[in-house]
Amino acid sequence: LALLHFRENARILISTSVGEEGLDIPSADVEVWIDPPSNPRKWIQRFGRVLRQPGGKDYATTYVLVTMGTHEWTRLLSTMRKVERFYGFTQEIVFINDFKAQKKLDI
């Protein structure tokens, strides 16, 4: 019953790699990742958690929490480039510092 309530009412999904497969949260429009996926297939699977609903959605917002200059940052940029090249998704990185958007980076 709790899972059914969550699926029908959730607006945000915070996920680790455990959430890449098997979860469909059609009421969510925002997804927060605390570890970036390591390849395009995993990216698409994870992103699909919030895009699924009857008829689909046109867009969803994903926040990926990483620190610039780390291994995770490098992996994020590499995977984003591959996702754009393989699947044609339009993506944008917005740097946030003290919750204020500071700078955008075209990848």
C-alpha atoms as a PDB file:
ATOM      1  CA  LEU A   1       0.000   0.000   0.000  1.00  0.00           C
ATOM      2  CA  ALA A   2       2.834   2.417   0.828  1.00  0.00           C
ATOM      3  CA  LEU A   3       4.545   1.735  -2.521  1.00  0.00           C
ATOM      4  CA  LEU A   4       1.275   2.298  -4.403  1.00  0.00           C
ATOM      5  CA  HIS A   5       0.775   5.611  -2.580  1.00  0.00           C
ATOM      6  CA  PHE A   6       4.360   6.618  -3.418  1.00  0.00           C
ATOM      7  CA  ARG A   7       3.987   5.733  -7.116  1.00  0.00           C
ATOM      8  CA  GLU A   8       0.812   7.762  -7.450  1.00  0.00           C
ATOM      9  CA  ASN A   9       1.899  10.809  -5.459  1.00  0.00           C
ATOM     10  CA  ALA A  10       5.687  11.162  -5.657  1.00  0.00           C
ATOM     11  CA  ARG A  11       7.060  14.252  -7.387  1.00  0.00           C
ATOM     12  CA  ILE A  12      10.776  13.650  -6.755  1.00  0.00           C
ATOM     13  CA  LEU A  13      12.828  10.454  -6.935  1.00  0.00           C
ATOM     14  CA  ILE A  14      16.267  10.315  -5.293  1.00  0.00           C
ATOM     15  CA  SER A  15      18.128   7.317  -6.614  1.00  0.00           C
ATOM     16  CA  THR A  16      21.369   5.377  -6.540  1.00  0.00           C
ATOM     17  CA  SER A  17      22.159   2.697  -9.110  1.00  0.00           C
ATOM     18  CA  VAL A  18      19.550   0.511  -7.390  1.00  0.00           C
ATOM     19  CA  GLY A  19      16.908   2.670  -9.081  1.00  0.00           C
ATOM     20  CA  GLU A  20      18.134   2.031 -12.629  1.00  0.00           C
ATOM     21  CA  GLU A  21      15.760  -0.836 -13.275  1.00  0.00           C
ATOM     22  CA  GLY A  22      12.378  -1.935 -12.061  1.00  0.00           C
ATOM     23  CA  LEU A  23      11.041   1.351 -10.690  1.00  0.00           C
ATOM     24  CA  ASP A  24       8.473   3.368 -12.591  1.00  0.00           C
ATOM     25  CA  ILE A  25       7.325   6.517 -10.834  1.00  0.00           C
ATOM     26  CA  PRO A  26       4.947   8.188 -13.323  1.00  0.00           C
ATOM     27  CA  SER A  27       3.939  11.008 -10.968  1.00  0.00           C
ATOM     28  CA  ALA A  28       7.557  12.244 -10.556  1.00  0.00           C
ATOM     29  CA  ASP A  29       8.877  15.076 -12.743  1.00  0.00           C
ATOM     30  CA  VAL A  30      12.246  15.474 -10.999  1.00  0.00           C
ATOM     31  CA  GLU A  31      14.951  12.903 -10.381  1.00  0.00           C
ATOM     32  CA  VAL A  32      18.052  13.363  -8.197  1.00  0.00           C
ATOM     33  CA  TRP A  33      21.081  11.133  -8.728  1.00  0.00           C
ATOM     34  CA  ILE A  34      23.809  10.904  -6.122  1.00  0.00           C
ATOM     35  CA  ASP A  35      26.089   8.892  -8.387  1.00  0.00           C
ATOM     36  CA  PRO A  36      26.236   9.351 -12.169  1.00  0.00           C
ATOM     37  CA  PRO A  37      25.608   6.320 -14.387  1.00  0.00           C
ATOM     38  CA  SER A  38      28.721   4.845 -15.956  1.00  0.00           C
ATOM     39  CA  ASN A  39      27.349   4.227 -19.461  1.00  0.00           C
ATOM     40  CA  PRO A  40      24.571   5.470 -21.789  1.00  0.00           C
ATOM     41  CA  ARG A  41      22.353   2.394 -21.326  1.00  0.00           C
ATOM     42  CA  LYS A  42      22.295   2.887 -17.564  1.00  0.00           C
ATOM     43  CA  TRP A  43      21.657   6.621 -18.081  1.00  0.00           C
ATOM     44  CA  ILE A  44      18.607   5.907 -20.241  1.00  0.00           C
ATOM     45  CA  GLN A  45      17.304   3.268 -17.830  1.00  0.00           C
ATOM     46  CA  ARG A  46      17.642   5.607 -14.884  1.00  0.00           C
ATOM     47  CA  PHE A  47      16.180   8.608 -16.696  1.00  0.00           C
ATOM     48  CA  GLY A  48      13.250   6.469 -17.809  1.00  0.00           C
ATOM     49  CA  ARG A  49      12.076   6.106 -14.208  1.00  0.00           C
ATOM     50  CA  VAL A  50      10.428   9.535 -14.347  1.00  0.00           C
ATOM     51  CA  LEU A  51       9.503   9.623 -18.046  1.00  0.00           C
ATOM     52  CA  ARG A  52       7.181   6.644 -17.925  1.00  0.00           C
ATOM     53  CA  GLN A  53       3.488   7.236 -17.786  1.00  0.00           C
ATOM     54  CA  PRO A  54       0.586   6.413 -20.063  1.00  0.00           C
ATOM     55  CA  GLY A  55       1.334   8.400 -23.212  1.00  0.00           C
ATOM     56  CA  GLY A  56       4.834   9.366 -22.023  1.00  0.00           C
ATOM     57  CA  LYS A  57       6.188  12.769 -21.029  1.00  0.00           C
ATOM     58  CA  ASP A  58       7.910  15.395 -23.126  1.00  0.00           C
ATOM     59  CA  TYR A  59      10.611  16.135 -20.548  1.00  0.00           C
ATOM     60  CA  ALA A  60      11.789  15.592 -17.004  1.00  0.00           C
ATOM     61  CA  THR A  61      14.446  17.260 -14.880  1.00  0.00           C
ATOM     62  CA  THR A  62      17.402  15.357 -13.463  1.00  0.00           C
ATOM     63  CA  TYR A  63      19.852  16.709 -10.910  1.00  0.00           C
ATOM     64  CA  VAL A  64      23.177  14.912 -10.600  1.00  0.00           C
ATOM     65  CA  LEU A  65      25.151  15.712  -7.458  1.00  0.00           C
ATOM     66  CA  VAL A  66      28.880  15.586  -8.205  1.00  0.00           C
ATOM     67  CA  THR A  67      31.950  17.646  -7.356  1.00  0.00           C
ATOM     68  CA  MET A  68      33.892  19.191 -10.222  1.00  0.00           C
ATOM     69  CA  GLY A  69      37.335  17.741 -10.846  1.00  0.00           C
ATOM     70  CA  THR A  70      36.539  14.308  -9.408  1.00  0.00           C
ATOM     71  CA  HIS A  71      36.345  10.921 -11.113  1.00  0.00           C
ATOM     72  CA  GLU A  72      32.555  11.153 -10.923  1.00  0.00           C
ATOM     73  CA  TRP A  73      32.647  14.528 -12.708  1.00  0.00           C
ATOM     74  CA  THR A  74      34.751  13.115 -15.560  1.00  0.00           C
ATOM     75  CA  ARG A  75      32.457  10.090 -15.831  1.00  0.00           C
ATOM     76  CA  LEU A  76      29.384  12.347 -15.882  1.00  0.00           C
ATOM     77  CA  LEU A  77      30.710  14.466 -18.771  1.00  0.00           C
ATOM     78  CA  SER A  78      31.788  11.419 -20.765  1.00  0.00           C
ATOM     79  CA  THR A  79      28.472   9.638 -20.315  1.00  0.00           C
ATOM     80  CA  MET A  80      26.463  12.773 -21.155  1.00  0.00           C
ATOM     81  CA  ARG A  81      28.353  13.166 -24.431  1.00  0.00           C
ATOM     82  CA  LYS A  82      27.668   9.534 -25.333  1.00  0.00           C
ATOM     83  CA  VAL A  83      23.970   9.824 -24.471  1.00  0.00           C
ATOM     84  CA  GLU A  84      23.637  12.886 -26.703  1.00  0.00           C
ATOM     85  CA  ARG A  85      25.497  11.197 -29.543  1.00  0.00           C
ATOM     86  CA  PHE A  86      23.704   7.825 -29.319  1.00  0.00           C
ATOM     87  CA  TYR A  87      20.191   8.917 -28.333  1.00  0.00           C
ATOM     88  CA  GLY A  88      19.953  12.564 -29.390  1.00  0.00           C
ATOM     89  CA  PHE A  89      18.932  13.893 -25.979  1.00  0.00           C
ATOM     90  CA  THR A  90      19.459  17.584 -25.375  1.00  0.00           C
ATOM     91  CA  GLN A  91      21.222  18.111 -22.058  1.00  0.00           C
ATOM     92  CA  GLU A  92      22.634  21.032 -20.185  1.00  0.00           C
ATOM     93  CA  ILE A  93      24.902  21.360 -17.173  1.00  0.00           C
ATOM     94  CA  VAL A  94      24.190  24.156 -14.735  1.00  0.00           C
ATOM     95  CA  PHE A  95      26.705  24.794 -11.984  1.00  0.00           C
ATOM     96  CA  ILE A  96      25.121  25.580  -8.658  1.00  0.00           C
ATOM     97  CA  ASN A  97      26.905  27.214  -5.756  1.00  0.00           C
ATOM     98  CA  ASP A  98      24.969  28.239  -2.668  1.00  0.00           C
ATOM     99  CA  PHE A  99      21.822  27.309  -4.607  1.00  0.00           C
ATOM    100  CA  LYS A 100      22.359  30.046  -7.206  1.00  0.00           C
ATOM    101  CA  ALA A 101      23.049  29.105 -10.824  1.00  0.00           C
ATOM    102  CA  GLN A 102      26.507  30.467 -11.601  1.00  0.00           C
ATOM    103  CA  LYS A 103      27.541  29.243 -15.019  1.00  0.00           C
ATOM    104  CA  LYS A 104      26.403  26.969 -17.821  1.00  0.00           C
ATOM    105  CA  LEU A 105      28.669  24.556 -19.662  1.00  0.00           C
ATOM    106  CA  ASP A 106      27.993  23.315 -23.170  1.00  0.00           C
ATOM    107  CA  ILE A 107      29.182  19.751 -23.488  1.00  0.00           C
END
